[in-house]
Amino acid sequence: MIRRLFFAAFAKNSRRLKLVELGEILEKKELAKDIKLIKVSAPLIAAKAKAGQFIILRIDEQGERIPLTIADSSASLGTLTLIFQEVGKSTMHLGTLTEGDCLADIIGPLGHPTHIENFGTVVTIGGGVGTAVIYPVTKALKEAGNKIISIVGARSKEMIILEEEMRETSDELCITTDDGSYGHHGFVTDELKRLINKSEKVDLVFAIGPCVMMKAVSNLTGQHNLKTIVSLNSIMVDGTGMCGGCRVTVGDKTKFVCVDGPDFEADKINFDELMDRQKIYLDEEKISAKRYKGRTGRCNCNG
C-alpha cells in the first residue's frame, strides 16, 4: 500500500490548506506526440480539488517542481488526472515513469478554483495542451447549466487531445488545425469570429492555451465587449507566492499566478510582458534538455 506524507503548507496571504502526498502512478497513456496522461493516487488532494486548480509535483528529491493543472479528479477513487507535454528535461523525465512508479511529492490543490455559475452561453477555447486545462472548466460550467460551445485547436489532427471528452461536455464542438488536416483549416479565433458574426449570443469566453493564442482571443473579444477569462501558466517554483517567478501585470498591478490566479480577466493582462518573461530561461532549458537526451540516448536530431 502506498505510503503517504501529509502536512500543512500555507500560501502567502492564504488561509487555504495545502496537502502534500506521495503519489503512485496508477495509469499512463500517450494522448499525442509528446503529450502524456497519468492518473495518480492522491486521495486528500482529490477530495478538495476543484476545476481550475493545479498541483506542483517533484519526480525525486533532487527534481525541480513541475506545476500541472488538474485535468480531472475523483474524490471517490482518490485520484488525480494530470496531462503534460514533454518540452524540457523535467517533463521528459516525468514521461519515462510508468504505472507503479511513485512521485517524490505532490502539493495541492493550489490556486483559486474557477468561478462557476450559470452565465448563459459560454464559449470555451483550448489550444494545444491547453485543452487539458479547459476540459475540467468546461465540464463544471456545463454541470452548472450553461450552454457550452467549445473550440479546440492544435497544429494538426494528430495533436488534438480529449476530443471525445470535450464533445460529451459541450453542446457544440468546433475543431481547428493549423495545417487543415482536421476540422477548420485555421485558428481558434477564426471559429470564434464566426460565432460572433452569426450573432450568437455569448455571455462569457474562457480561453486556455499558448500566450499568443490567448492574446489573439482577448484582442478579438475586446472589439465586441465580450468578457473573457484566461488561465495562465507562468514560470513557477514554490506555488506560495514567495519566489515571485510567476508574477504578471494585471491592470497595472503585480499579481502572482499561483496565489492570485491562475484565472484572470484577459483584457487586463500585459501579454507582451508575460511572453517575454516566459522566454527568460529558454536557452538554459534547451541546454538542459539536450544534455538529458544525450544521457538517456533519446533522439537529439531536433537539437
Protein backbone atom coordinates (compact mmCIF):
# COMPACT_ATOMS: atom_id res chain seq x y z
CA MET A 1 0.00 0.00 0.00
CA ILE A 2 1.40 3.39 -0.96
CA ARG A 3 2.98 5.47 1.78
CA ARG A 4 1.56 8.95 2.16
CA LEU A 5 3.01 12.06 3.73
CA PHE A 6 0.58 14.71 4.93
CA PHE A 7 1.37 18.14 6.26
CA ALA A 8 0.02 21.66 6.03
CA ALA A 9 1.64 24.26 3.82
CA PHE A 10 0.28 27.79 3.72
CA ALA A 11 0.47 30.13 0.75
CA LYS A 12 1.25 33.83 1.15
CA ASN A 13 -1.82 35.68 2.45
CA SER A 14 -3.85 32.49 2.12
CA ARG A 15 -5.93 30.52 4.59
CA ARG A 16 -6.37 27.62 2.20
CA LEU A 17 -4.85 24.38 3.44
CA LYS A 18 -2.39 22.69 1.11
CA LEU A 19 -1.77 18.97 1.27
CA VAL A 20 1.34 17.05 0.30
CA GLU A 21 1.16 13.42 -0.78
CA LEU A 22 3.39 10.77 -2.31
CA GLY A 23 1.55 9.87 -5.50
CA GLU A 24 1.71 6.45 -7.10
CA ILE A 25 1.13 6.37 -10.85
CA LEU A 26 -1.89 4.14 -11.43
CA GLU A 27 -2.34 4.67 -15.17
CA LYS A 28 -0.39 6.14 -18.06
CA LYS A 29 -1.42 6.93 -21.65
CA GLU A 30 0.05 8.72 -24.63
CA LEU A 31 -2.57 11.13 -26.00
CA ALA A 32 -0.47 12.58 -28.81
CA LYS A 33 3.18 13.01 -29.75
CA ASP A 34 5.00 14.04 -26.56
CA ILE A 35 1.70 14.54 -24.68
CA LYS A 36 1.13 12.11 -21.82
CA LEU A 37 -1.67 11.44 -19.34
CA ILE A 38 -1.00 9.99 -15.91
CA LYS A 39 -3.50 9.11 -13.21
CA VAL A 40 -2.01 9.28 -9.72
CA SER A 41 -3.16 8.32 -6.26
CA ALA A 42 -3.64 11.45 -4.11
CA PRO A 43 -6.84 10.97 -2.07
CA LEU A 44 -6.62 14.03 0.17
CA ILE A 45 -5.91 16.41 -2.70
CA ALA A 46 -8.56 14.73 -4.87
CA ALA A 47 -11.15 15.25 -2.13
CA LYS A 48 -10.60 19.03 -2.22
CA ALA A 49 -9.68 19.70 -5.86
CA LYS A 50 -11.94 21.90 -7.99
CA ALA A 51 -11.93 22.96 -11.63
CA GLY A 52 -9.13 25.38 -12.45
CA GLN A 53 -6.80 24.38 -9.63
CA PHE A 54 -3.36 22.87 -10.05
CA ILE A 55 -0.69 20.90 -8.23
CA ILE A 56 3.09 21.03 -8.09
CA LEU A 57 4.97 17.74 -8.19
CA ARG A 58 8.53 16.54 -7.88
CA ILE A 59 9.75 13.35 -9.52
CA ASP A 60 12.51 12.80 -6.97
CA GLU A 61 14.21 14.62 -4.10
CA GLN A 62 16.60 16.43 -6.46
CA GLY A 63 13.99 17.21 -9.10
CA GLU A 64 12.58 20.62 -9.92
CA ARG A 65 8.97 21.45 -9.11
CA ILE A 66 6.58 20.95 -12.03
CA PRO A 67 3.23 22.81 -11.93
CA LEU A 68 0.39 20.94 -13.67
CA THR A 69 -3.30 21.77 -13.83
CA ILE A 70 -5.61 19.05 -12.57
CA ALA A 71 -7.29 17.77 -15.74
CA ASP A 72 -9.72 15.62 -13.75
CA SER A 73 -10.14 14.24 -10.25
CA SER A 74 -12.17 11.62 -8.44
CA ALA A 75 -12.84 12.05 -4.74
CA SER A 76 -14.34 8.56 -4.53
CA LEU A 77 -11.32 6.90 -6.15
CA GLY A 78 -8.80 9.29 -4.63
CA THR A 79 -7.14 10.03 -7.96
CA LEU A 80 -5.88 12.99 -9.96
CA THR A 81 -5.55 13.02 -13.74
CA LEU A 82 -2.60 15.06 -14.99
CA ILE A 83 -1.75 15.82 -18.61
CA PHE A 84 1.60 17.25 -19.68
CA GLN A 85 3.69 17.90 -22.76
CA GLU A 86 7.34 16.86 -22.85
CA VAL A 87 9.10 20.14 -23.58
CA GLY A 88 12.09 20.12 -21.24
CA LYS A 89 14.27 17.90 -19.07
CA SER A 90 11.82 17.52 -16.18
CA THR A 91 8.73 16.76 -18.27
CA MET A 92 10.79 14.36 -20.41
CA HIS A 93 11.86 12.60 -17.21
CA LEU A 94 8.25 12.54 -16.00
CA GLY A 95 7.30 10.94 -19.30
CA THR A 96 9.60 7.99 -18.63
CA LEU A 97 7.76 6.98 -15.46
CA THR A 98 5.23 4.20 -15.67
CA GLU A 99 2.46 2.50 -13.70
CA GLY A 100 3.63 1.58 -10.22
CA ASP A 101 6.26 4.32 -10.00
CA CYS A 102 5.91 6.87 -7.20
CA LEU A 103 6.49 10.61 -7.31
CA ALA A 104 8.56 12.21 -4.56
CA ASP A 105 5.68 14.50 -3.63
CA ILE A 106 2.60 16.32 -4.88
CA ILE A 107 1.35 19.53 -3.25
CA GLY A 108 -2.12 20.92 -3.80
CA PRO A 109 -4.71 21.88 -4.59
CA LEU A 110 -3.17 25.24 -5.47
CA GLY A 111 -4.65 28.42 -6.91
CA HIS A 112 -8.18 29.74 -6.81
CA PRO A 113 -10.83 27.47 -8.32
CA THR A 114 -12.51 28.79 -11.45
CA HIS A 115 -15.64 30.79 -10.66
CA ILE A 116 -18.54 28.63 -11.81
CA GLU A 117 -22.14 29.77 -12.20
CA ASN A 118 -24.88 29.75 -14.83
CA PHE A 119 -23.71 32.58 -17.07
CA GLY A 120 -25.84 31.54 -20.06
CA THR A 121 -23.87 30.76 -23.21
CA VAL A 122 -20.16 30.19 -22.68
CA VAL A 123 -17.51 29.66 -25.35
CA THR A 124 -14.59 27.62 -24.02
CA ILE A 125 -11.41 27.55 -26.08
CA GLY A 126 -8.48 25.15 -25.72
CA GLY A 127 -5.28 25.46 -27.72
CA GLY A 128 -2.78 22.60 -27.86
CA VAL A 129 -2.20 21.02 -24.46
CA GLY A 130 -4.37 23.84 -23.06
CA THR A 131 -7.32 21.60 -23.92
CA ALA A 132 -6.36 19.54 -20.87
CA VAL A 133 -6.84 22.65 -18.73
CA ILE A 134 -10.08 23.86 -20.33
CA TYR A 135 -11.70 20.42 -20.07
CA PRO A 136 -12.47 20.43 -16.30
CA VAL A 137 -13.66 24.04 -16.57
CA THR A 138 -15.94 23.14 -19.48
CA LYS A 139 -17.34 20.18 -17.56
CA ALA A 140 -18.03 22.29 -14.47
CA LEU A 141 -19.68 25.06 -16.49
CA LYS A 142 -21.88 22.50 -18.26
CA GLU A 143 -22.91 20.96 -14.95
CA ALA A 144 -23.90 24.46 -13.77
CA GLY A 145 -26.45 24.66 -16.60
CA ASN A 146 -24.58 26.73 -19.17
CA LYS A 147 -24.87 26.25 -22.92
CA ILE A 148 -21.34 25.32 -23.96
CA ILE A 149 -19.77 26.00 -27.34
CA SER A 150 -16.23 24.63 -27.34
CA ILE A 151 -13.41 25.34 -29.75
CA VAL A 152 -10.38 23.05 -29.70
CA GLY A 153 -7.32 23.85 -31.77
CA ALA A 154 -3.96 22.23 -32.47
CA ARG A 155 -1.21 22.20 -35.09
CA SER A 156 -2.55 19.03 -36.74
CA LYS A 157 -5.08 16.23 -36.33
CA GLU A 158 -2.52 14.09 -34.52
CA MET A 159 -2.11 16.77 -31.83
CA ILE A 160 -5.81 17.08 -30.96
CA ILE A 161 -6.45 15.72 -27.45
CA LEU A 162 -9.58 14.96 -25.40
CA GLU A 163 -11.87 15.36 -28.40
CA GLU A 164 -14.50 12.90 -27.16
CA GLU A 165 -14.37 14.25 -23.61
CA MET A 166 -14.91 17.79 -24.87
CA ARG A 167 -17.71 16.65 -27.16
CA GLU A 168 -19.52 15.00 -24.25
CA THR A 169 -19.42 18.18 -22.16
CA SER A 170 -20.32 20.62 -24.97
CA ASP A 171 -23.50 21.50 -26.83
CA GLU A 172 -21.36 22.29 -29.87
CA LEU A 173 -17.73 21.44 -30.57
CA CYS A 174 -15.57 23.09 -33.23
CA ILE A 175 -12.15 21.71 -34.21
CA THR A 176 -9.42 23.73 -35.88
CA THR A 177 -5.97 22.72 -37.10
CA ASP A 178 -3.19 24.96 -38.33
CA ASP A 179 -2.45 22.65 -41.28
CA GLY A 180 -6.06 21.85 -42.20
CA SER A 181 -5.66 18.12 -41.55
CA TYR A 182 -8.83 18.06 -39.42
CA GLY A 183 -11.74 20.39 -38.90
CA HIS A 184 -11.42 24.04 -39.89
CA HIS A 185 -8.16 25.00 -41.57
CA GLY A 186 -7.03 27.89 -39.44
CA PHE A 187 -7.02 29.14 -35.88
CA VAL A 188 -9.42 29.09 -32.94
CA THR A 189 -10.02 32.81 -33.45
CA ASP A 190 -11.50 32.04 -36.89
CA GLU A 191 -14.24 29.92 -35.32
CA LEU A 192 -14.78 32.46 -32.53
CA LYS A 193 -15.17 35.20 -35.12
CA ARG A 194 -17.69 33.03 -36.99
CA LEU A 195 -19.78 32.64 -33.84
CA ILE A 196 -19.70 36.36 -33.18
CA ASN A 197 -20.55 37.25 -36.79
CA LYS A 198 -23.59 34.98 -36.85
CA SER A 199 -24.94 36.93 -33.87
CA GLU A 200 -24.58 34.03 -31.47
CA LYS A 201 -25.34 35.42 -28.02
CA VAL A 202 -22.23 34.84 -25.96
CA ASP A 203 -22.14 35.71 -22.26
CA LEU A 204 -18.59 34.60 -21.47
CA VAL A 205 -15.46 33.41 -23.26
CA PHE A 206 -12.92 31.24 -21.44
CA ALA A 207 -9.63 30.57 -23.25
CA ILE A 208 -6.61 28.49 -22.28
CA GLY A 209 -3.57 27.81 -24.43
CA PRO A 210 -0.32 29.43 -25.57
CA CYS A 211 0.03 33.09 -24.60
CA VAL A 212 -0.05 34.21 -28.23
CA MET A 213 -3.40 32.43 -28.69
CA MET A 214 -4.91 33.90 -25.53
CA LYS A 215 -3.74 37.36 -26.57
CA ALA A 216 -5.37 36.93 -30.00
CA VAL A 217 -8.63 35.79 -28.38
CA SER A 218 -8.53 38.75 -26.00
CA ASN A 219 -7.92 41.21 -28.84
CA LEU A 220 -10.91 39.81 -30.74
CA THR A 221 -13.35 39.67 -27.83
CA GLY A 222 -12.25 43.14 -26.72
CA GLN A 223 -13.58 44.53 -30.00
CA HIS A 224 -17.01 43.16 -29.10
CA ASN A 225 -17.00 43.86 -25.35
CA LEU A 226 -17.19 40.15 -24.52
CA LYS A 227 -15.99 39.27 -21.04
CA THR A 228 -13.07 36.88 -21.39
CA ILE A 229 -11.23 34.84 -18.76
CA VAL A 230 -7.90 33.13 -19.31
CA SER A 231 -5.88 30.73 -17.16
CA LEU A 232 -2.17 31.50 -17.04
CA ASN A 233 0.70 29.04 -16.84
CA SER A 234 3.69 31.18 -15.95
CA ILE A 235 7.13 30.29 -14.61
CA MET A 236 6.60 28.93 -11.12
CA VAL A 237 8.74 27.41 -8.35
CA ASP A 238 7.11 27.18 -4.93
CA GLY A 239 3.40 27.83 -5.57
CA THR A 240 3.08 30.04 -2.48
CA GLY A 241 3.92 33.48 -3.90
CA MET A 242 7.32 33.61 -2.18
CA CYS A 243 9.61 33.19 -5.21
CA GLY A 244 7.91 35.80 -7.38
CA GLY A 245 8.66 33.83 -10.53
CA CYS A 246 5.03 33.73 -11.60
CA ARG A 247 4.37 37.45 -11.34
CA VAL A 248 2.30 39.04 -14.06
CA THR A 249 0.97 42.55 -14.63
CA VAL A 250 -2.82 42.65 -14.43
CA GLY A 251 -4.47 46.05 -14.72
CA ASP A 252 -1.18 47.83 -13.93
CA LYS A 253 -0.82 45.81 -10.71
CA THR A 254 1.56 42.97 -10.00
CA LYS A 255 -0.21 39.68 -9.37
CA PHE A 256 1.12 36.22 -8.61
CA VAL A 257 -0.40 33.47 -10.73
CA CYS A 258 0.00 30.82 -8.03
CA VAL A 259 -1.96 32.63 -5.30
CA ASP A 260 -3.96 35.33 -7.13
CA GLY A 261 -4.82 33.16 -10.14
CA PRO A 262 -4.46 31.24 -12.28
CA ASP A 263 -7.63 32.80 -13.78
CA PHE A 264 -7.64 36.48 -14.76
CA GLU A 265 -9.69 38.82 -16.95
CA ALA A 266 -7.95 38.72 -20.30
CA ASP A 267 -8.24 42.39 -21.22
CA LYS A 268 -6.27 43.42 -18.12
CA ILE A 269 -3.23 41.23 -18.74
CA ASN A 270 0.02 42.56 -20.17
CA PHE A 271 0.54 39.62 -22.53
CA ASP A 272 3.67 41.06 -24.17
CA GLU A 273 5.43 41.28 -20.81
CA LEU A 274 4.24 37.78 -19.90
CA MET A 275 5.53 36.31 -23.17
CA ASP A 276 8.92 37.98 -22.64
CA ARG A 277 9.13 36.52 -19.13
CA GLN A 278 8.28 33.06 -20.44
CA LYS A 279 11.45 33.19 -22.56
CA ILE A 280 13.85 34.11 -19.74
CA TYR A 281 15.23 30.60 -19.23
CA LEU A 282 14.63 29.28 -22.74
CA ASP A 283 18.32 28.88 -23.63
CA GLU A 284 19.08 27.12 -20.34
CA GLU A 285 16.08 24.84 -20.81
CA LYS A 286 17.27 23.85 -24.29
CA ILE A 287 20.76 23.05 -22.99
CA SER A 288 19.37 21.02 -20.09
CA ALA A 289 17.02 19.08 -22.39
CA LYS A 290 19.84 18.38 -24.85
CA ARG A 291 22.07 17.03 -22.07
CA TYR A 292 19.24 14.88 -20.75
CA LYS A 293 18.64 13.41 -24.21
CA GLY A 294 22.34 12.67 -24.50
CA ARG A 295 22.43 10.82 -21.18
CA THR A 296 19.30 8.80 -21.85
CA GLY A 297 20.02 8.03 -25.50
CA ARG A 298 16.88 9.77 -26.71
CA CYS A 299 16.86 11.19 -30.23
CA ASN A 300 18.58 14.56 -30.36
CA CYS A 301 18.02 15.20 -34.05
CA ASN A 302 15.89 18.30 -33.46
CA GLY A 303 18.55 19.99 -31.39
